[in-house]
Amino acid sequence: MGMVFHTRAKKRLESDAWSIVLSFVIAWFLIRSGILEDILSGGGFVWQSLVGGFFFTSLFTLAPAMAVLAELATSAPLYAVAFFAALGGIAGDLVLFKVFRKHLLQDVKLILREVKWRIPVITAATAVFHSRFFRFLTPLFGAFLLASPLPDEPALALMGLSRISIPRLIVVSFILHFIGILALAGVIRLF
């Protein structure tokens, strides 16, 4: 029975890996072709802020999104840009969080559970992941990463490990993106 779950988890992990590779290829294409810049430059500052915030969450679309948000910070109301970009960031985070929480983390946990008796290091790591200290520290560290200008993938993976609820994630994501984008825009206005 255990081997059947291991095989299913392995197949889902392979599928998740191909989905991630495909998303990287699509992001690369959107950036290189200029399509992303065209999408970001169309519409008013509200649309640009929403789309910029959405793309601000991922490693592969972070640079063009930062450029758009930086430009908006100099020409549009700062708090409005941060507000709408934070709303877009929530949407981006929810997409990434669903991938990490529903598929990737569950499959990794299942495979680790199957092989932990064979590899002592994994057994020790599993014990650390289930400790109260780790459960306390994980969402805090994830929130710190979410507030930083770094991509949100590692933060959301940590939040997924901490079993944060979707409503809490939405609130935390909005507040931290709002503060992070406001700080980024404020620094850009200084120069």
N, C-alpha and C. Protein backbone atom coordinates (compact mmCIF):
# COMPACT_ATOMS: atom_id res chain seq x y z
N MET A 1 0.82 -1.20 0.00
CA MET A 1 0.00 0.00 0.00
C MET A 1 0.86 1.26 0.00
N GLY A 2 1.93 1.24 0.83
CA GLY A 2 2.81 2.40 0.91
C GLY A 2 3.49 2.71 -0.40
N MET A 3 3.84 1.69 -1.15
CA MET A 3 4.51 1.90 -2.42
C MET A 3 3.58 2.53 -3.45
N VAL A 4 2.27 2.21 -3.38
CA VAL A 4 1.30 2.80 -4.29
C VAL A 4 1.22 4.31 -4.06
N PHE A 5 1.16 4.74 -2.78
CA PHE A 5 1.14 6.18 -2.47
C PHE A 5 2.44 6.84 -2.91
N HIS A 6 3.55 6.15 -2.71
CA HIS A 6 4.86 6.68 -3.11
C HIS A 6 4.89 6.90 -4.62
N THR A 7 4.36 5.94 -5.38
CA THR A 7 4.35 6.05 -6.84
C THR A 7 3.44 7.18 -7.27
N ARG A 8 2.26 7.31 -6.65
CA ARG A 8 1.35 8.41 -6.99
C ARG A 8 1.98 9.76 -6.67
N ALA A 9 2.59 9.85 -5.50
CA ALA A 9 3.23 11.11 -5.10
C ALA A 9 4.37 11.45 -6.06
N LYS A 10 5.13 10.45 -6.44
CA LYS A 10 6.24 10.68 -7.37
C LYS A 10 5.72 11.17 -8.72
N LYS A 11 4.63 10.57 -9.20
CA LYS A 11 4.04 11.00 -10.48
C LYS A 11 3.50 12.42 -10.37
N ARG A 12 2.85 12.75 -9.24
CA ARG A 12 2.35 14.12 -9.05
C ARG A 12 3.49 15.11 -8.95
N LEU A 13 4.59 14.72 -8.28
CA LEU A 13 5.75 15.60 -8.20
C LEU A 13 6.34 15.85 -9.59
N GLU A 14 6.41 14.81 -10.40
CA GLU A 14 6.91 14.98 -11.76
C GLU A 14 5.99 15.92 -12.55
N SER A 15 4.68 15.75 -12.38
CA SER A 15 3.72 16.63 -13.04
C SER A 15 3.87 18.07 -12.55
N ASP A 16 4.04 18.24 -11.23
CA ASP A 16 4.25 19.58 -10.66
C ASP A 16 5.53 20.20 -11.20
N ALA A 17 6.58 19.39 -11.30
CA ALA A 17 7.86 19.90 -11.82
C ALA A 17 7.71 20.36 -13.26
N TRP A 18 6.99 19.58 -14.07
CA TRP A 18 6.78 20.00 -15.46
C TRP A 18 5.91 21.25 -15.53
N SER A 19 4.95 21.37 -14.64
CA SER A 19 4.12 22.59 -14.60
C SER A 19 4.97 23.81 -14.26
N ILE A 20 5.88 23.64 -13.31
CA ILE A 20 6.77 24.74 -12.93
C ILE A 20 7.69 25.10 -14.08
N VAL A 21 8.25 24.10 -14.75
CA VAL A 21 9.12 24.35 -15.91
C VAL A 21 8.34 25.09 -16.99
N LEU A 22 7.11 24.63 -17.25
CA LEU A 22 6.28 25.29 -18.25
C LEU A 22 5.98 26.74 -17.86
N SER A 23 5.71 26.98 -16.59
CA SER A 23 5.45 28.36 -16.15
C SER A 23 6.69 29.22 -16.31
N PHE A 24 7.89 28.66 -16.07
CA PHE A 24 9.13 29.41 -16.28
C PHE A 24 9.30 29.75 -17.76
N VAL A 25 9.00 28.79 -18.63
CA VAL A 25 9.13 29.02 -20.07
C VAL A 25 8.16 30.10 -20.51
N ILE A 26 6.93 30.04 -20.03
CA ILE A 26 5.93 31.06 -20.38
C ILE A 26 6.36 32.43 -19.86
N ALA A 27 6.85 32.48 -18.60
CA ALA A 27 7.32 33.76 -18.04
C ALA A 27 8.48 34.29 -18.86
N TRP A 28 9.42 33.44 -19.22
CA TRP A 28 10.57 33.86 -20.03
C TRP A 28 10.09 34.42 -21.36
N PHE A 29 9.14 33.71 -22.00
CA PHE A 29 8.60 34.16 -23.27
C PHE A 29 7.90 35.51 -23.12
N LEU A 30 7.09 35.67 -22.09
CA LEU A 30 6.38 36.93 -21.88
C LEU A 30 7.35 38.09 -21.69
N ILE A 31 8.45 37.82 -20.98
CA ILE A 31 9.44 38.88 -20.74
C ILE A 31 10.23 39.19 -22.00
N ARG A 32 10.75 38.15 -22.65
CA ARG A 32 11.61 38.35 -23.83
C ARG A 32 10.85 38.93 -25.02
N SER A 33 9.59 38.55 -25.17
CA SER A 33 8.83 39.02 -26.33
C SER A 33 8.32 40.45 -26.15
N GLY A 34 8.31 40.93 -24.91
CA GLY A 34 7.79 42.26 -24.64
C GLY A 34 6.29 42.27 -24.37
N ILE A 35 5.66 41.11 -24.42
CA ILE A 35 4.21 41.04 -24.19
C ILE A 35 3.87 41.49 -22.78
N LEU A 36 4.69 41.07 -21.81
CA LEU A 36 4.43 41.47 -20.43
C LEU A 36 4.49 42.98 -20.27
N GLU A 37 5.47 43.61 -20.90
CA GLU A 37 5.57 45.07 -20.82
C GLU A 37 4.37 45.74 -21.47
N ASP A 38 3.89 45.17 -22.58
CA ASP A 38 2.69 45.72 -23.23
C ASP A 38 1.47 45.60 -22.32
N ILE A 39 1.33 44.44 -21.66
CA ILE A 39 0.21 44.24 -20.73
C ILE A 39 0.30 45.23 -19.58
N LEU A 40 1.52 45.38 -19.06
CA LEU A 40 1.71 46.27 -17.91
C LEU A 40 1.57 47.74 -18.27
N SER A 41 1.85 48.09 -19.52
CA SER A 41 1.80 49.51 -19.88
C SER A 41 0.41 49.96 -20.34
N GLY A 42 -0.49 49.03 -20.58
CA GLY A 42 -1.83 49.39 -21.02
C GLY A 42 -2.72 49.79 -19.85
N GLY A 43 -3.77 50.53 -20.12
CA GLY A 43 -4.72 50.91 -19.08
C GLY A 43 -4.19 52.03 -18.19
N GLY A 44 -4.97 52.34 -17.18
CA GLY A 44 -4.59 53.38 -16.23
C GLY A 44 -3.71 52.84 -15.12
N PHE A 45 -3.40 53.68 -14.17
CA PHE A 45 -2.49 53.27 -13.11
C PHE A 45 -3.08 52.19 -12.20
N VAL A 46 -4.42 52.14 -12.10
CA VAL A 46 -5.05 51.10 -11.28
C VAL A 46 -4.77 49.73 -11.90
N TRP A 47 -5.03 49.60 -13.19
CA TRP A 47 -4.78 48.34 -13.89
C TRP A 47 -3.29 47.99 -13.83
N GLN A 48 -2.44 48.96 -14.10
CA GLN A 48 -1.00 48.71 -14.07
C GLN A 48 -0.55 48.28 -12.68
N SER A 49 -1.11 48.89 -11.65
CA SER A 49 -0.75 48.52 -10.28
C SER A 49 -1.20 47.10 -9.96
N LEU A 50 -2.43 46.76 -10.34
CA LEU A 50 -2.95 45.40 -10.10
C LEU A 50 -2.08 44.35 -10.80
N VAL A 51 -1.82 44.56 -12.08
CA VAL A 51 -1.03 43.60 -12.86
C VAL A 51 0.42 43.58 -12.37
N GLY A 52 0.96 44.77 -12.08
CA GLY A 52 2.33 44.84 -11.54
C GLY A 52 2.44 44.11 -10.21
N GLY A 53 1.45 44.27 -9.35
CA GLY A 53 1.44 43.56 -8.07
C GLY A 53 1.33 42.06 -8.24
N PHE A 54 0.49 41.62 -9.20
CA PHE A 54 0.34 40.19 -9.47
C PHE A 54 1.68 39.59 -9.90
N PHE A 55 2.36 40.26 -10.81
CA PHE A 55 3.64 39.75 -11.32
C PHE A 55 4.80 40.02 -10.38
N PHE A 56 4.59 40.87 -9.39
CA PHE A 56 5.62 41.19 -8.39
C PHE A 56 5.91 39.99 -7.49
N THR A 57 5.05 38.99 -7.50
CA THR A 57 5.17 37.86 -6.58
C THR A 57 6.13 36.77 -7.06
N SER A 58 6.39 36.68 -8.33
CA SER A 58 7.17 35.56 -8.86
C SER A 58 8.59 35.96 -9.25
N LEU A 59 9.49 35.04 -9.05
CA LEU A 59 10.90 35.25 -9.37
C LEU A 59 11.10 35.66 -10.82
N PHE A 60 10.36 35.05 -11.72
CA PHE A 60 10.60 35.25 -13.14
C PHE A 60 9.93 36.48 -13.72
N THR A 61 9.03 37.07 -13.01
CA THR A 61 8.37 38.29 -13.49
C THR A 61 8.61 39.48 -12.57
N LEU A 62 9.47 39.28 -11.59
CA LEU A 62 9.73 40.31 -10.59
C LEU A 62 10.35 41.57 -11.20
N ALA A 63 11.36 41.41 -12.05
CA ALA A 63 12.08 42.57 -12.60
C ALA A 63 11.18 43.50 -13.41
N PRO A 64 10.41 42.99 -14.40
CA PRO A 64 9.54 43.93 -15.12
C PRO A 64 8.45 44.53 -14.23
N ALA A 65 7.95 43.76 -13.29
CA ALA A 65 6.92 44.28 -12.38
C ALA A 65 7.50 45.40 -11.51
N MET A 66 8.73 45.22 -11.03
CA MET A 66 9.37 46.28 -10.24
C MET A 66 9.57 47.53 -11.07
N ALA A 67 9.93 47.36 -12.34
CA ALA A 67 10.13 48.52 -13.21
C ALA A 67 8.82 49.28 -13.40
N VAL A 68 7.73 48.54 -13.60
CA VAL A 68 6.42 49.19 -13.78
C VAL A 68 6.00 49.90 -12.50
N LEU A 69 6.14 49.22 -11.36
CA LEU A 69 5.75 49.83 -10.08
C LEU A 69 6.64 51.04 -9.76
N ALA A 70 7.90 50.97 -10.12
CA ALA A 70 8.81 52.12 -9.90
C ALA A 70 8.36 53.31 -10.74
N GLU A 71 7.99 53.04 -11.98
CA GLU A 71 7.51 54.11 -12.85
C GLU A 71 6.20 54.70 -12.32
N LEU A 72 5.31 53.83 -11.87
CA LEU A 72 4.04 54.30 -11.32
C LEU A 72 4.25 55.13 -10.05
N ALA A 73 5.25 54.76 -9.28
CA ALA A 73 5.52 55.47 -8.02
C ALA A 73 5.91 56.92 -8.25
N THR A 74 6.43 57.21 -9.43
CA THR A 74 6.83 58.59 -9.72
C THR A 74 5.71 59.40 -10.37
N SER A 75 4.68 58.71 -10.92
CA SER A 75 3.67 59.45 -11.66
C SER A 75 2.25 59.33 -11.10
N ALA A 76 2.01 58.43 -10.16
CA ALA A 76 0.66 58.22 -9.64
C ALA A 76 0.69 58.35 -8.11
N PRO A 77 -0.48 58.48 -7.49
CA PRO A 77 -0.52 58.57 -6.03
C PRO A 77 0.09 57.32 -5.38
N LEU A 78 1.07 57.55 -4.51
CA LEU A 78 1.87 56.49 -3.92
C LEU A 78 1.02 55.46 -3.16
N TYR A 79 0.12 55.91 -2.31
CA TYR A 79 -0.69 54.99 -1.52
C TYR A 79 -1.66 54.20 -2.39
N ALA A 80 -2.18 54.82 -3.43
CA ALA A 80 -3.09 54.11 -4.35
C ALA A 80 -2.34 53.03 -5.12
N VAL A 81 -1.13 53.34 -5.58
CA VAL A 81 -0.31 52.34 -6.27
C VAL A 81 -0.04 51.16 -5.34
N ALA A 82 0.38 51.45 -4.11
CA ALA A 82 0.68 50.39 -3.15
C ALA A 82 -0.58 49.57 -2.83
N PHE A 83 -1.72 50.22 -2.70
CA PHE A 83 -2.97 49.53 -2.40
C PHE A 83 -3.35 48.55 -3.51
N PHE A 84 -3.40 49.05 -4.75
CA PHE A 84 -3.82 48.18 -5.85
C PHE A 84 -2.76 47.13 -6.19
N ALA A 85 -1.51 47.47 -6.03
CA ALA A 85 -0.45 46.48 -6.26
C ALA A 85 -0.52 45.37 -5.19
N ALA A 86 -0.86 45.74 -3.97
CA ALA A 86 -1.01 44.74 -2.91
C ALA A 86 -2.19 43.81 -3.21
N LEU A 87 -3.28 44.35 -3.77
CA LEU A 87 -4.41 43.51 -4.19
C LEU A 87 -3.98 42.53 -5.29
N GLY A 88 -3.20 43.03 -6.24
CA GLY A 88 -2.67 42.15 -7.28
C GLY A 88 -1.72 41.12 -6.70
N GLY A 89 -0.94 41.53 -5.69
CA GLY A 89 -0.02 40.60 -5.03
C GLY A 89 -0.76 39.47 -4.33
N ILE A 90 -1.93 39.77 -3.76
CA ILE A 90 -2.75 38.73 -3.13
C ILE A 90 -3.13 37.68 -4.17
N ALA A 91 -3.58 38.13 -5.32
CA ALA A 91 -3.99 37.19 -6.38
C ALA A 91 -2.82 36.32 -6.80
N GLY A 92 -1.65 36.93 -7.00
CA GLY A 92 -0.46 36.16 -7.36
C GLY A 92 -0.06 35.18 -6.28
N ASP A 93 -0.13 35.62 -5.04
CA ASP A 93 0.23 34.74 -3.92
C ASP A 93 -0.73 33.57 -3.79
N LEU A 94 -2.02 33.82 -4.01
CA LEU A 94 -2.99 32.73 -3.90
C LEU A 94 -2.75 31.66 -4.97
N VAL A 95 -2.40 32.08 -6.17
CA VAL A 95 -2.07 31.11 -7.22
C VAL A 95 -0.87 30.28 -6.81
N LEU A 96 0.20 30.94 -6.38
CA LEU A 96 1.41 30.23 -5.97
C LEU A 96 1.16 29.36 -4.74
N PHE A 97 0.40 29.88 -3.79
CA PHE A 97 0.13 29.15 -2.56
C PHE A 97 -0.64 27.86 -2.84
N LYS A 98 -1.61 27.94 -3.75
CA LYS A 98 -2.38 26.74 -4.11
C LYS A 98 -1.45 25.66 -4.67
N VAL A 99 -0.53 26.07 -5.53
CA VAL A 99 0.41 25.10 -6.11
C VAL A 99 1.27 24.49 -5.01
N PHE A 100 1.84 25.32 -4.14
CA PHE A 100 2.71 24.82 -3.09
C PHE A 100 1.96 23.97 -2.08
N ARG A 101 0.82 24.45 -1.65
CA ARG A 101 0.12 23.77 -0.55
C ARG A 101 -0.61 22.52 -1.01
N LYS A 102 -1.34 22.63 -2.09
CA LYS A 102 -2.18 21.52 -2.52
C LYS A 102 -1.38 20.38 -3.14
N HIS A 103 -0.35 20.72 -3.87
CA HIS A 103 0.32 19.68 -4.63
C HIS A 103 1.73 19.39 -4.13
N LEU A 104 2.56 20.38 -4.27
CA LEU A 104 3.99 20.16 -4.06
C LEU A 104 4.32 19.73 -2.64
N LEU A 105 3.87 20.46 -1.63
CA LEU A 105 4.24 20.12 -0.26
C LEU A 105 3.64 18.79 0.20
N GLN A 106 2.42 18.51 -0.21
CA GLN A 106 1.82 17.23 0.17
C GLN A 106 2.58 16.06 -0.43
N ASP A 107 2.99 16.20 -1.68
CA ASP A 107 3.73 15.12 -2.33
C ASP A 107 5.10 14.93 -1.71
N VAL A 108 5.78 16.03 -1.40
CA VAL A 108 7.09 15.92 -0.77
C VAL A 108 6.96 15.27 0.61
N LYS A 109 5.95 15.68 1.38
CA LYS A 109 5.74 15.07 2.70
C LYS A 109 5.47 13.58 2.60
N LEU A 110 4.67 13.19 1.62
CA LEU A 110 4.35 11.78 1.45
C LEU A 110 5.58 10.96 1.09
N ILE A 111 6.39 11.48 0.19
CA ILE A 111 7.61 10.76 -0.18
C ILE A 111 8.58 10.71 0.99
N LEU A 112 8.72 11.82 1.72
CA LEU A 112 9.61 11.80 2.88
C LEU A 112 9.13 10.81 3.94
N ARG A 113 7.82 10.72 4.12
CA ARG A 113 7.28 9.77 5.09
C ARG A 113 7.61 8.33 4.68
N GLU A 114 7.61 8.07 3.37
CA GLU A 114 7.89 6.72 2.88
C GLU A 114 9.37 6.35 3.02
N VAL A 115 10.27 7.33 2.87
CA VAL A 115 11.71 6.99 2.86
C VAL A 115 12.43 7.36 4.15
N LYS A 116 11.74 7.95 5.12
CA LYS A 116 12.44 8.45 6.30
C LYS A 116 13.10 7.34 7.11
N TRP A 117 12.53 6.15 7.10
CA TRP A 117 13.12 5.06 7.85
C TRP A 117 14.43 4.61 7.22
N ARG A 118 14.66 4.92 5.96
CA ARG A 118 15.90 4.52 5.27
C ARG A 118 17.03 5.53 5.45
N ILE A 119 16.67 6.79 5.65
CA ILE A 119 17.69 7.84 5.70
C ILE A 119 17.55 8.58 7.03
N PRO A 120 18.51 8.42 7.95
CA PRO A 120 18.40 9.04 9.28
C PRO A 120 18.30 10.56 9.24
N VAL A 121 18.94 11.22 8.29
CA VAL A 121 18.89 12.68 8.20
C VAL A 121 17.46 13.14 7.94
N ILE A 122 16.74 12.42 7.11
CA ILE A 122 15.35 12.78 6.81
C ILE A 122 14.48 12.58 8.05
N THR A 123 14.77 11.52 8.81
CA THR A 123 14.03 11.29 10.05
C THR A 123 14.24 12.45 11.01
N ALA A 124 15.48 12.92 11.12
CA ALA A 124 15.78 14.06 12.00
C ALA A 124 15.11 15.33 11.48
N ALA A 125 15.16 15.55 10.17
CA ALA A 125 14.53 16.75 9.59
C ALA A 125 13.02 16.71 9.81
N THR A 126 12.42 15.54 9.67
CA THR A 126 10.98 15.42 9.90
C THR A 126 10.63 15.77 11.34
N ALA A 127 11.46 15.35 12.27
CA ALA A 127 11.22 15.68 13.68
C ALA A 127 11.29 17.19 13.91
N VAL A 128 12.23 17.85 13.24
CA VAL A 128 12.35 19.31 13.36
C VAL A 128 11.09 19.98 12.79
N PHE A 129 10.61 19.51 11.62
CA PHE A 129 9.43 20.10 10.98
C PHE A 129 8.19 19.99 11.85
N HIS A 130 8.14 18.98 12.71
CA HIS A 130 6.96 18.77 13.55
C HIS A 130 7.10 19.39 14.94
N SER A 131 8.21 20.05 15.21
CA SER A 131 8.41 20.64 16.53
C SER A 131 7.59 21.93 16.68
N ARG A 132 7.27 22.27 17.91
CA ARG A 132 6.50 23.51 18.17
C ARG A 132 7.29 24.74 17.76
N PHE A 133 8.60 24.74 18.00
CA PHE A 133 9.43 25.88 17.64
C PHE A 133 9.37 26.13 16.14
N PHE A 134 9.45 25.06 15.34
CA PHE A 134 9.40 25.20 13.89
C PHE A 134 8.04 25.74 13.46
N ARG A 135 6.97 25.24 14.06
CA ARG A 135 5.63 25.72 13.73
C ARG A 135 5.45 27.19 14.06
N PHE A 136 6.12 27.65 15.11
CA PHE A 136 6.06 29.06 15.49
C PHE A 136 6.92 29.92 14.56
N LEU A 137 8.11 29.43 14.26
CA LEU A 137 9.09 30.20 13.49
C LEU A 137 8.77 30.26 12.00
N THR A 138 8.22 29.19 11.46
CA THR A 138 7.98 29.10 10.02
C THR A 138 7.10 30.23 9.48
N PRO A 139 5.93 30.50 10.05
CA PRO A 139 5.13 31.59 9.49
C PRO A 139 5.78 32.96 9.67
N LEU A 140 6.53 33.15 10.74
CA LEU A 140 7.21 34.43 10.94
C LEU A 140 8.29 34.65 9.89
N PHE A 141 9.08 33.60 9.64
CA PHE A 141 10.12 33.71 8.62
C PHE A 141 9.50 33.87 7.23
N GLY A 142 8.39 33.13 6.99
CA GLY A 142 7.68 33.28 5.72
C GLY A 142 7.14 34.69 5.54
N ALA A 143 6.61 35.28 6.60
CA ALA A 143 6.09 36.66 6.54
C ALA A 143 7.23 37.64 6.26
N PHE A 144 8.39 37.42 6.90
CA PHE A 144 9.55 38.29 6.64
C PHE A 144 9.94 38.23 5.17
N LEU A 145 9.98 37.01 4.60
CA LEU A 145 10.33 36.87 3.18
C LEU A 145 9.26 37.48 2.28
N LEU A 146 8.00 37.38 2.69
CA LEU A 146 6.91 37.94 1.91
C LEU A 146 6.99 39.47 1.87
N ALA A 147 7.42 40.08 2.94
CA ALA A 147 7.53 41.54 3.00
C ALA A 147 8.75 42.05 2.24
N SER A 148 9.74 41.21 2.06
CA SER A 148 10.96 41.64 1.39
C SER A 148 10.72 41.76 -0.12
N PRO A 149 11.61 42.45 -0.83
CA PRO A 149 11.44 42.54 -2.28
C PRO A 149 11.86 41.26 -3.01
N LEU A 150 12.15 40.20 -2.25
CA LEU A 150 12.49 38.92 -2.85
C LEU A 150 11.23 38.26 -3.40
N PRO A 151 11.39 37.30 -4.32
CA PRO A 151 10.21 36.59 -4.84
C PRO A 151 9.46 35.87 -3.71
N ASP A 152 8.17 35.64 -3.92
CA ASP A 152 7.32 35.09 -2.87
C ASP A 152 7.31 33.56 -2.79
N GLU A 153 7.90 32.88 -3.75
CA GLU A 153 7.84 31.41 -3.76
C GLU A 153 8.36 30.79 -2.46
N PRO A 154 9.57 31.16 -1.97
CA PRO A 154 10.03 30.55 -0.72
C PRO A 154 9.14 30.90 0.48
N ALA A 155 8.66 32.13 0.51
CA ALA A 155 7.78 32.55 1.62
C ALA A 155 6.50 31.74 1.62
N LEU A 156 5.92 31.53 0.45
CA LEU A 156 4.66 30.79 0.37
C LEU A 156 4.87 29.31 0.66
N ALA A 157 6.03 28.78 0.30
CA ALA A 157 6.33 27.39 0.65
C ALA A 157 6.39 27.25 2.17
N LEU A 158 7.02 28.21 2.85
CA LEU A 158 7.07 28.17 4.32
C LEU A 158 5.69 28.37 4.93
N MET A 159 4.91 29.26 4.35
CA MET A 159 3.55 29.47 4.85
C MET A 159 2.71 28.20 4.66
N GLY A 160 2.92 27.51 3.55
CA GLY A 160 2.22 26.26 3.32
C GLY A 160 2.59 25.21 4.34
N LEU A 161 3.87 25.16 4.71
CA LEU A 161 4.32 24.23 5.74
C LEU A 161 3.68 24.54 7.09
N SER A 162 3.42 25.82 7.33
CA SER A 162 2.88 26.23 8.62
C SER A 162 1.37 26.04 8.72
N ARG A 163 0.75 25.63 7.62
CA ARG A 163 -0.69 25.39 7.59
C ARG A 163 -1.51 26.64 7.87
N ILE A 164 -1.08 27.74 7.34
CA ILE A 164 -1.82 28.99 7.51
C ILE A 164 -3.12 28.90 6.70
N SER A 165 -4.18 29.48 7.23
CA SER A 165 -5.46 29.45 6.53
C SER A 165 -5.45 30.49 5.40
N ILE A 166 -6.30 30.27 4.41
CA ILE A 166 -6.40 31.18 3.26
C ILE A 166 -6.79 32.59 3.70
N PRO A 167 -7.81 32.77 4.57
CA PRO A 167 -8.15 34.14 5.00
C PRO A 167 -6.97 34.86 5.69
N ARG A 168 -6.24 34.13 6.52
CA ARG A 168 -5.07 34.74 7.16
C ARG A 168 -4.01 35.09 6.14
N LEU A 169 -3.79 34.19 5.18
CA LEU A 169 -2.80 34.46 4.13
C LEU A 169 -3.17 35.72 3.37
N ILE A 170 -4.45 35.89 3.07
CA ILE A 170 -4.90 37.08 2.33
C ILE A 170 -4.60 38.35 3.12
N VAL A 171 -4.92 38.35 4.39
CA VAL A 171 -4.66 39.53 5.23
C VAL A 171 -3.16 39.80 5.34
N VAL A 172 -2.39 38.76 5.64
CA VAL A 172 -0.94 38.91 5.79
C VAL A 172 -0.33 39.36 4.47
N SER A 173 -0.74 38.73 3.37
CA SER A 173 -0.21 39.08 2.06
C SER A 173 -0.51 40.54 1.72
N PHE A 174 -1.74 40.98 1.94
CA PHE A 174 -2.09 42.36 1.63
C PHE A 174 -1.25 43.34 2.45
N ILE A 175 -1.21 43.13 3.75
CA ILE A 175 -0.48 44.07 4.62
C ILE A 175 1.00 44.12 4.25
N LEU A 176 1.61 42.95 4.09
CA LEU A 176 3.05 42.91 3.82
C LEU A 176 3.38 43.43 2.42
N HIS A 177 2.55 43.11 1.43
CA HIS A 177 2.79 43.66 0.09
C HIS A 177 2.59 45.17 0.08
N PHE A 178 1.57 45.64 0.77
CA PHE A 178 1.31 47.08 0.82
C PHE A 178 2.52 47.79 1.42
N ILE A 179 3.01 47.30 2.55
CA ILE A 179 4.18 47.92 3.20
C ILE A 179 5.42 47.80 2.32
N GLY A 180 5.63 46.61 1.75
CA GLY A 180 6.82 46.40 0.92
C GLY A 180 6.83 47.26 -0.32
N ILE A 181 5.70 47.34 -1.00
CA ILE A 181 5.61 48.15 -2.22
C ILE A 181 5.66 49.63 -1.89
N LEU A 182 5.05 50.02 -0.79
CA LEU A 182 5.11 51.41 -0.35
C LEU A 182 6.56 51.81 -0.04
N ALA A 183 7.28 50.93 0.65
CA ALA A 183 8.69 51.20 0.96
C ALA A 183 9.52 51.27 -0.31
N LEU A 184 9.31 50.33 -1.22
CA LEU A 184 10.05 50.32 -2.49
C LEU A 184 9.78 51.60 -3.27
N ALA A 185 8.50 51.97 -3.37
CA ALA A 185 8.13 53.19 -4.09
C ALA A 185 8.67 54.43 -3.40
N GLY A 186 8.66 54.44 -2.08
CA GLY A 186 9.22 55.57 -1.34
C GLY A 186 10.70 55.75 -1.59
N VAL A 187 11.43 54.65 -1.61
CA VAL A 187 12.88 54.70 -1.88
C VAL A 187 13.12 55.18 -3.30
N ILE A 188 12.32 54.72 -4.23
CA ILE A 188 12.49 55.11 -5.64
C ILE A 188 12.21 56.61 -5.80
N ARG A 189 11.24 57.14 -5.06
CA ARG A 189 10.93 58.58 -5.16
C ARG A 189 12.06 59.43 -4.62
N LEU A 190 12.87 58.86 -3.71
CA LEU A 190 14.01 59.63 -3.17
C LEU A 190 15.09 59.84 -4.22
N PHE A 191 15.16 58.96 -5.18
CA PHE A 191 16.25 59.06 -6.18
C PHE A 191 15.77 59.59 -7.45
